[in-house]
PDB file of N, CA and C in Angstrom:
ATOM      1  N   MET A   1       0.851  -1.181   0.000  1.00  0.00           N
ATOM      2  CA  MET A   1       0.000   0.000   0.000  1.00  0.00           C
ATOM      3  C   MET A   1       0.891   1.236   0.000  1.00  0.00           C
ATOM      4  N   THR A   2       0.631   2.161  -0.901  1.00  0.00           N
ATOM      5  CA  THR A   2       1.439   3.372  -0.985  1.00  0.00           C
ATOM      6  C   THR A   2       0.772   4.502  -0.208  1.00  0.00           C
ATOM      7  N   ALA A   3       1.605   5.424   0.261  1.00  0.00           N
ATOM      8  CA  ALA A   3       1.086   6.575   1.008  1.00  0.00           C
ATOM      9  C   ALA A   3       0.372   7.516   0.048  1.00  0.00           C
ATOM     10  N   PRO A   4      -0.669   8.189   0.524  1.00  0.00           N
ATOM     11  CA  PRO A   4      -1.373   9.135  -0.347  1.00  0.00           C
ATOM     12  C   PRO A   4      -0.471  10.329  -0.673  1.00  0.00           C
ATOM     13  N   VAL A   5      -0.669  10.898  -1.838  1.00  0.00           N
ATOM     14  CA  VAL A   5       0.083  12.075  -2.248  1.00  0.00           C
ATOM     15  C   VAL A   5      -0.521  13.293  -1.561  1.00  0.00           C
ATOM     16  N   VAL A   6       0.332  14.062  -0.918  1.00  0.00           N
ATOM     17  CA  VAL A   6      -0.122  15.266  -0.217  1.00  0.00           C
ATOM     18  C   VAL A   6       0.338  16.481  -1.010  1.00  0.00           C
ATOM     19  N   GLN A   7      -0.588  17.340  -1.336  1.00  0.00           N
ATOM     20  CA  GLN A   7      -0.260  18.563  -2.073  1.00  0.00           C
ATOM     21  C   GLN A   7       0.302  19.582  -1.097  1.00  0.00           C
ATOM     22  N   LEU A   8       1.481  20.133  -1.422  1.00  0.00           N
ATOM     23  CA  LEU A   8       2.087  21.149  -0.575  1.00  0.00           C
ATOM     24  C   LEU A   8       1.475  22.509  -0.873  1.00  0.00           C
ATOM     25  N   ARG A   9       1.279  23.271   0.173  1.00  0.00           N
ATOM     26  CA  ARG A   9       0.765  24.625   0.002  1.00  0.00           C
ATOM     27  C   ARG A   9       1.933  25.574  -0.265  1.00  0.00           C
ATOM     28  N   PRO A  10       1.737  26.570  -1.082  1.00  0.00           N
ATOM     29  CA  PRO A  10       2.814  27.538  -1.299  1.00  0.00           C
ATOM     30  C   PRO A  10       3.090  28.316  -0.016  1.00  0.00           C
ATOM     31  N   ALA A  11       4.329  28.760   0.147  1.00  0.00           N
ATOM     32  CA  ALA A  11       4.700  29.538   1.327  1.00  0.00           C
ATOM     33  C   ALA A  11       3.962  30.863   1.311  1.00  0.00           C
ATOM     34  N   PRO A  12       3.633  31.377   2.492  1.00  0.00           N
ATOM     35  CA  PRO A  12       2.978  32.691   2.535  1.00  0.00           C
ATOM     36  C   PRO A  12       3.878  33.754   1.919  1.00  0.00           C
ATOM     37  N   ALA A  13       3.279  34.797   1.391  1.00  0.00           N
ATOM     38  CA  ALA A  13       4.049  35.851   0.729  1.00  0.00           C
ATOM     39  C   ALA A  13       5.078  36.467   1.659  1.00  0.00           C
ATOM     40  N   ALA A  14       4.757  36.632   2.927  1.00  0.00           N
ATOM     41  CA  ALA A  14       5.689  37.249   3.875  1.00  0.00           C
ATOM     42  C   ALA A  14       6.944  36.401   4.049  1.00  0.00           C
ATOM     43  N   ALA A  15       6.818  35.105   3.950  1.00  0.00           N
ATOM     44  CA  ALA A  15       7.963  34.224   4.138  1.00  0.00           C
ATOM     45  C   ALA A  15       8.952  34.331   2.982  1.00  0.00           C
ATOM     46  N   SER A  16       8.460  34.711   1.806  1.00  0.00           N
ATOM     47  CA  SER A  16       9.341  34.802   0.654  1.00  0.00           C
ATOM     48  C   SER A  16       9.902  36.212   0.457  1.00  0.00           C
ATOM     49  N   THR A  17       9.539  37.146   1.329  1.00  0.00           N
ATOM     50  CA  THR A  17      10.030  38.510   1.227  1.00  0.00           C
ATOM     51  C   THR A  17      11.492  38.551   1.628  1.00  0.00           C
ATOM     52  N   LYS A  18      12.325  39.098   0.748  1.00  0.00           N
ATOM     53  CA  LYS A  18      13.744  39.205   1.044  1.00  0.00           C
ATOM     54  C   LYS A  18      13.989  40.393   1.960  1.00  0.00           C
ATOM     55  N   ARG A  19      14.986  40.217   2.815  1.00  0.00           N
ATOM     56  CA  ARG A  19      15.389  41.309   3.693  1.00  0.00           C
ATOM     57  C   ARG A  19      16.776  41.752   3.263  1.00  0.00           C
ATOM     58  N   TYR A  20      16.923  43.038   3.003  1.00  0.00           N
ATOM     59  CA  TYR A  20      18.198  43.587   2.579  1.00  0.00           C
ATOM     60  C   TYR A  20      18.842  44.333   3.742  1.00  0.00           C
ATOM     61  N   LEU A  21      20.159  44.157   3.868  1.00  0.00           N
ATOM     62  CA  LEU A  21      20.894  44.735   4.983  1.00  0.00           C
ATOM     63  C   LEU A  21      21.961  45.701   4.486  1.00  0.00           C
ATOM     64  N   SER A  22      22.186  46.747   5.257  1.00  0.00           N
ATOM     65  CA  SER A  22      23.297  47.657   4.990  1.00  0.00           C
ATOM     66  C   SER A  22      24.577  47.003   5.525  1.00  0.00           C
ATOM     67  N   PRO A  23      25.743  47.494   5.145  1.00  0.00           N
ATOM     68  CA  PRO A  23      26.984  46.950   5.708  1.00  0.00           C
ATOM     69  C   PRO A  23      26.995  47.003   7.243  1.00  0.00           C
ATOM     70  N   GLU A  24      26.452  48.059   7.813  1.00  0.00           N
ATOM     71  CA  GLU A  24      26.402  48.173   9.281  1.00  0.00           C
ATOM     72  C   GLU A  24      25.530  47.079   9.891  1.00  0.00           C
ATOM     73  N   GLN A  25      24.415  46.767   9.232  1.00  0.00           N
ATOM     74  CA  GLN A  25      23.527  45.703   9.726  1.00  0.00           C
ATOM     75  C   GLN A  25      24.180  44.335   9.585  1.00  0.00           C
ATOM     76  N   VAL A  26      24.964  44.137   8.522  1.00  0.00           N
ATOM     77  CA  VAL A  26      25.696  42.879   8.359  1.00  0.00           C
ATOM     78  C   VAL A  26      26.667  42.708   9.519  1.00  0.00           C
ATOM     79  N   CYS A  27      27.329  43.790   9.899  1.00  0.00           N
ATOM     80  CA  CYS A  27      28.286  43.737  11.004  1.00  0.00           C
ATOM     81  C   CYS A  27      27.605  43.440  12.338  1.00  0.00           C
ATOM     82  N   GLU A  28      26.369  43.865  12.500  1.00  0.00           N
ATOM     83  CA  GLU A  28      25.604  43.519  13.696  1.00  0.00           C
ATOM     84  C   GLU A  28      25.258  42.033  13.698  1.00  0.00           C
ATOM     85  N   LEU A  29      25.065  41.477  12.522  1.00  0.00           N
ATOM     86  CA  LEU A  29      24.686  40.070  12.381  1.00  0.00           C
ATOM     87  C   LEU A  29      25.880  39.136  12.588  1.00  0.00           C
ATOM     88  N   ILE A  30      27.077  39.573  12.185  1.00  0.00           N
ATOM     89  CA  ILE A  30      28.279  38.738  12.280  1.00  0.00           C
ATOM     90  C   ILE A  30      29.190  39.308  13.356  1.00  0.00           C
ATOM     91  N   PRO A  31      29.308  38.641  14.499  1.00  0.00           N
ATOM     92  CA  PRO A  31      30.165  39.137  15.575  1.00  0.00           C
ATOM     93  C   PRO A  31      31.610  39.313  15.096  1.00  0.00           C
ATOM     94  N   GLY A  32      32.194  40.461  15.421  1.00  0.00           N
ATOM     95  CA  GLY A  32      33.586  40.719  15.076  1.00  0.00           C
ATOM     96  C   GLY A  32      33.803  41.330  13.705  1.00  0.00           C
ATOM     97  N   MET A  33      32.793  41.342  12.854  1.00  0.00           N
ATOM     98  CA  MET A  33      32.923  41.916  11.512  1.00  0.00           C
ATOM     99  C   MET A  33      32.858  43.435  11.620  1.00  0.00           C
ATOM    100  N   THR A  34      33.704  44.108  10.868  1.00  0.00           N
ATOM    101  CA  THR A  34      33.666  45.570  10.808  1.00  0.00           C
ATOM    102  C   THR A  34      33.307  45.998   9.392  1.00  0.00           C
ATOM    103  N   VAL A  35      32.843  47.229   9.263  1.00  0.00           N
ATOM    104  CA  VAL A  35      32.488  47.756   7.944  1.00  0.00           C
ATOM    105  C   VAL A  35      33.732  47.784   7.053  1.00  0.00           C
ATOM    106  N   ALA A  36      34.881  48.157   7.626  1.00  0.00           N
ATOM    107  CA  ALA A  36      36.121  48.200   6.845  1.00  0.00           C
ATOM    108  C   ALA A  36      36.522  46.807   6.366  1.00  0.00           C
ATOM    109  N   ASN A  37      36.377  45.807   7.238  1.00  0.00           N
ATOM    110  CA  ASN A  37      36.709  44.429   6.858  1.00  0.00           C
ATOM    111  C   ASN A  37      35.771  43.935   5.760  1.00  0.00           C
ATOM    112  N   LEU A  38      34.499  44.258   5.890  1.00  0.00           N
ATOM    113  CA  LEU A  38      33.504  43.865   4.887  1.00  0.00           C
ATOM    114  C   LEU A  38      33.819  44.528   3.541  1.00  0.00           C
ATOM    115  N   LYS A  39      34.238  45.785   3.579  1.00  0.00           N
ATOM    116  CA  LYS A  39      34.605  46.498   2.354  1.00  0.00           C
ATOM    117  C   LYS A  39      35.824  45.846   1.698  1.00  0.00           C
ATOM    118  N   ASP A  40      36.819  45.459   2.509  1.00  0.00           N
ATOM    119  CA  ASP A  40      38.004  44.775   1.977  1.00  0.00           C
ATOM    120  C   ASP A  40      37.625  43.442   1.335  1.00  0.00           C
ATOM    121  N   LEU A  41      36.743  42.690   1.978  1.00  0.00           N
ATOM    122  CA  LEU A  41      36.292  41.413   1.429  1.00  0.00           C
ATOM    123  C   LEU A  41      35.561  41.629   0.106  1.00  0.00           C
ATOM    124  N   ARG A  42      34.771  42.672   0.050  1.00  0.00           N
ATOM    125  CA  ARG A  42      34.032  42.993  -1.172  1.00  0.00           C
ATOM    126  C   ARG A  42      35.003  43.359  -2.300  1.00  0.00           C
ATOM    127  N   ALA A  43      36.008  44.169  -1.983  1.00  0.00           N
ATOM    128  CA  ALA A  43      36.985  44.608  -2.988  1.00  0.00           C
ATOM    129  C   ALA A  43      37.838  43.455  -3.508  1.00  0.00           C
ATOM    130  N   SER A  44      38.120  42.486  -2.641  1.00  0.00           N
ATOM    131  CA  SER A  44      38.959  41.352  -3.040  1.00  0.00           C
ATOM    132  C   SER A  44      38.155  40.225  -3.681  1.00  0.00           C
ATOM    133  N   GLY A  45      36.835  40.342  -3.653  1.00  0.00           N
ATOM    134  CA  GLY A  45      35.986  39.303  -4.235  1.00  0.00           C
ATOM    135  C   GLY A  45      35.829  38.083  -3.343  1.00  0.00           C
ATOM    136  N   LYS A  46      36.193  38.202  -2.077  1.00  0.00           N
ATOM    137  CA  LYS A  46      36.103  37.065  -1.154  1.00  0.00           C
ATOM    138  C   LYS A  46      34.915  37.161  -0.195  1.00  0.00           C
ATOM    139  N   GLY A  47      34.181  38.235  -0.270  1.00  0.00           N
ATOM    140  CA  GLY A  47      33.062  38.437   0.643  1.00  0.00           C
ATOM    141  C   GLY A  47      31.762  37.896   0.086  1.00  0.00           C
ATOM    142  N   PRO A  48      30.684  38.135   0.829  1.00  0.00           N
ATOM    143  CA  PRO A  48      29.372  37.679   0.373  1.00  0.00           C
ATOM    144  C   PRO A  48      28.892  38.486  -0.821  1.00  0.00           C
ATOM    145  N   ALA A  49      27.977  37.910  -1.579  1.00  0.00           N
ATOM    146  CA  ALA A  49      27.375  38.612  -2.721  1.00  0.00           C
ATOM    147  C   ALA A  49      26.679  39.875  -2.214  1.00  0.00           C
ATOM    148  N   TYR A  50      26.661  40.896  -3.052  1.00  0.00           N
ATOM    149  CA  TYR A  50      26.042  42.154  -2.659  1.00  0.00           C
ATOM    150  C   TYR A  50      25.357  42.805  -3.855  1.00  0.00           C
ATOM    151  N   PHE A  51      24.589  43.837  -3.567  1.00  0.00           N
ATOM    152  CA  PHE A  51      23.843  44.565  -4.590  1.00  0.00           C
ATOM    153  C   PHE A  51      24.267  46.029  -4.576  1.00  0.00           C
ATOM    154  N   LYS A  52      24.296  46.640  -5.753  1.00  0.00           N
ATOM    155  CA  LYS A  52      24.578  48.071  -5.899  1.00  0.00           C
ATOM    156  C   LYS A  52      23.389  48.685  -6.645  1.00  0.00           C
ATOM    157  N   PRO A  53      22.292  48.963  -5.946  1.00  0.00           N
ATOM    158  CA  PRO A  53      21.098  49.458  -6.633  1.00  0.00           C
ATOM    159  C   PRO A  53      21.276  50.829  -7.269  1.00  0.00           C
ATOM    160  N   THR A  54      22.308  51.566  -6.872  1.00  0.00           N
ATOM    161  CA  THR A  54      22.541  52.895  -7.445  1.00  0.00           C
ATOM    162  C   THR A  54      23.632  52.862  -8.514  1.00  0.00           C
ATOM    163  N   GLY A  55      23.964  51.667  -8.997  1.00  0.00           N
ATOM    164  CA  GLY A  55      24.983  51.527 -10.036  1.00  0.00           C
ATOM    165  C   GLY A  55      26.354  51.242  -9.441  1.00  0.00           C
ATOM    166  N   GLU A  56      27.281  50.833 -10.288  1.00  0.00           N
ATOM    167  CA  GLU A  56      28.616  50.435  -9.812  1.00  0.00           C
ATOM    168  C   GLU A  56      29.332  51.535  -9.050  1.00  0.00           C
ATOM    169  N   ARG A  57      29.131  52.780  -9.445  1.00  0.00           N
ATOM    170  CA  ARG A  57      29.807  53.886  -8.775  1.00  0.00           C
ATOM    171  C   ARG A  57      28.944  54.496  -7.664  1.00  0.00           C
ATOM    172  N   GLY A  58      27.774  53.928  -7.450  1.00  0.00           N
ATOM    173  CA  GLY A  58      26.878  54.447  -6.415  1.00  0.00           C
ATOM    174  C   GLY A  58      27.393  54.161  -5.022  1.00  0.00           C
ATOM    175  N   HIS A  59      26.828  54.865  -4.069  1.00  0.00           N
ATOM    176  CA  HIS A  59      27.290  54.743  -2.690  1.00  0.00           C
ATOM    177  C   HIS A  59      26.457  53.776  -1.855  1.00  0.00           C
ATOM    178  N   VAL A  60      25.436  53.185  -2.439  1.00  0.00           N
ATOM    179  CA  VAL A  60      24.568  52.274  -1.689  1.00  0.00           C
ATOM    180  C   VAL A  60      24.986  50.839  -1.971  1.00  0.00           C
ATOM    181  N   THR A  61      25.290  50.115  -0.900  1.00  0.00           N
ATOM    182  CA  THR A  61      25.624  48.691  -0.990  1.00  0.00           C
ATOM    183  C   THR A  61      24.664  47.948  -0.079  1.00  0.00           C
ATOM    184  N   LEU A  62      24.031  46.928  -0.605  1.00  0.00           N
ATOM    185  CA  LEU A  62      23.079  46.127   0.163  1.00  0.00           C
ATOM    186  C   LEU A  62      23.434  44.658   0.069  1.00  0.00           C
ATOM    187  N   TYR A  63      23.079  43.927   1.105  1.00  0.00           N
ATOM    188  CA  TYR A  63      23.296  42.487   1.154  1.00  0.00           C
ATOM    189  C   TYR A  63      21.975  41.804   1.460  1.00  0.00           C
ATOM    190  N   SER A  64      21.735  40.666   0.845  1.00  0.00           N
ATOM    191  CA  SER A  64      20.579  39.852   1.180  1.00  0.00           C
ATOM    192  C   SER A  64      20.908  39.105   2.469  1.00  0.00           C
ATOM    193  N   GLU A  65      19.995  39.140   3.415  1.00  0.00           N
ATOM    194  CA  GLU A  65      20.224  38.445   4.682  1.00  0.00           C
ATOM    195  C   GLU A  65      20.465  36.952   4.435  1.00  0.00           C
ATOM    196  N   ALA A  66      19.719  36.373   3.498  1.00  0.00           N
ATOM    197  CA  ALA A  66      19.887  34.955   3.176  1.00  0.00           C
ATOM    198  C   ALA A  66      21.280  34.684   2.607  1.00  0.00           C
ATOM    199  N   ASP A  67      21.799  35.603   1.764  1.00  0.00           N
ATOM    200  CA  ASP A  67      23.145  35.440   1.210  1.00  0.00           C
ATOM    201  C   ASP A  67      24.206  35.497   2.308  1.00  0.00           C
ATOM    202  N   ILE A  68      24.011  36.366   3.288  1.00  0.00           N
ATOM    203  CA  ILE A  68      24.963  36.490   4.396  1.00  0.00           C
ATOM    204  C   ILE A  68      25.007  35.188   5.182  1.00  0.00           C
ATOM    205  N   ILE A  69      23.849  34.659   5.495  1.00  0.00           N
ATOM    206  CA  ILE A  69      23.784  33.411   6.259  1.00  0.00           C
ATOM    207  C   ILE A  69      24.427  32.272   5.470  1.00  0.00           C
ATOM    208  N   CYS A  70      24.145  32.176   4.180  1.00  0.00           N
ATOM    209  CA  CYS A  70      24.754  31.127   3.339  1.00  0.00           C
ATOM    210  C   CYS A  70      26.270  31.292   3.286  1.00  0.00           C
ATOM    211  N   TRP A  71      26.748  32.524   3.150  1.00  0.00           N
ATOM    212  CA  TRP A  71      28.184  32.794   3.066  1.00  0.00           C
ATOM    213  C   TRP A  71      28.885  32.377   4.357  1.00  0.00           C
ATOM    214  N   VAL A  72      28.299  32.733   5.498  1.00  0.00           N
ATOM    215  CA  VAL A  72      28.885  32.348   6.787  1.00  0.00           C
ATOM    216  C   VAL A  72      28.900  30.828   6.923  1.00  0.00           C
ATOM    217  N   GLU A  73      27.793  30.181   6.612  1.00  0.00           N
ATOM    218  CA  GLU A  73      27.713  28.728   6.760  1.00  0.00           C
ATOM    219  C   GLU A  73      28.635  28.001   5.790  1.00  0.00           C
ATOM    220  N   ALA A  74      28.919  28.586   4.636  1.00  0.00           N
ATOM    221  CA  ALA A  74      29.835  27.973   3.669  1.00  0.00           C
ATOM    222  C   ALA A  74      31.278  28.017   4.162  1.00  0.00           C
ATOM    223  N   LYS A  75      31.547  28.889   5.132  1.00  0.00           N
ATOM    224  CA  LYS A  75      32.903  29.037   5.671  1.00  0.00           C
ATOM    225  C   LYS A  75      33.133  28.159   6.897  1.00  0.00           C
ATOM    226  N   ARG A  76      32.272  27.208   7.123  1.00  0.00           N
ATOM    227  CA  ARG A  76      32.371  26.324   8.294  1.00  0.00           C
ATOM    228  C   ARG A  76      33.663  25.520   8.239  1.00  0.00           C
ATOM    229  N   VAL A  77      34.337  25.454   9.371  1.00  0.00           N
ATOM    230  CA  VAL A  77      35.571  24.694   9.505  1.00  0.00           C
ATOM    231  C   VAL A  77      35.342  23.649  10.583  1.00  0.00           C
ATOM    232  N   THR A  78      35.723  22.407  10.275  1.00  0.00           N
ATOM    233  CA  THR A  78      35.563  21.346  11.270  1.00  0.00           C
ATOM    234  C   THR A  78      36.934  20.989  11.843  1.00  0.00           C
ATOM    235  N   THR A  79      36.909  20.514  13.077  1.00  0.00           N
ATOM    236  CA  THR A  79      38.135  20.055  13.707  1.00  0.00           C
ATOM    237  C   THR A  79      38.352  18.596  13.304  1.00  0.00           C
ATOM    238  N   ARG A  80      39.526  18.098  13.584  1.00  0.00           N
ATOM    239  CA  ARG A  80      39.806  16.685  13.233  1.00  0.00           C
ATOM    240  C   ARG A  80      38.867  15.726  13.937  1.00  0.00           C
ATOM    241  N   GLU A  81      38.496  16.068  15.171  1.00  0.00           N
ATOM    242  CA  GLU A  81      37.612  15.187  15.938  1.00  0.00           C
ATOM    243  C   GLU A  81      36.211  15.120  15.320  1.00  0.00           C
ATOM    244  N   GLN A  82      35.803  16.173  14.626  1.00  0.00           N
ATOM    245  CA  GLN A  82      34.461  16.215  14.034  1.00  0.00           C
ATOM    246  C   GLN A  82      34.436  15.591  12.654  1.00  0.00           C
ATOM    247  N   SER A  83      35.566  15.368  12.051  1.00  0.00           N
ATOM    248  CA  SER A  83      35.615  14.847  10.679  1.00  0.00           C
ATOM    249  C   SER A  83      35.118  13.431  10.589  1.00  0.00           C
TER     250      SER A  83
END
């Protein structure tokens, strides 16, 4: 006997709303991160993905909260005992 197929409901609209963070808000989210360090990571291409809604030369830089969390989690380091 097979289990009945259950139709999944779509996520509520609020759950799919992206939250954008300023560099200062990113630093509040990541302990020890500074705006200068985040800028250096951005310039070297080693930091999290970001958005420039005012164009490449614009002064506004935004980060998706989900991208920040993914970037931090991708940098996970395990000890030998955890391997």
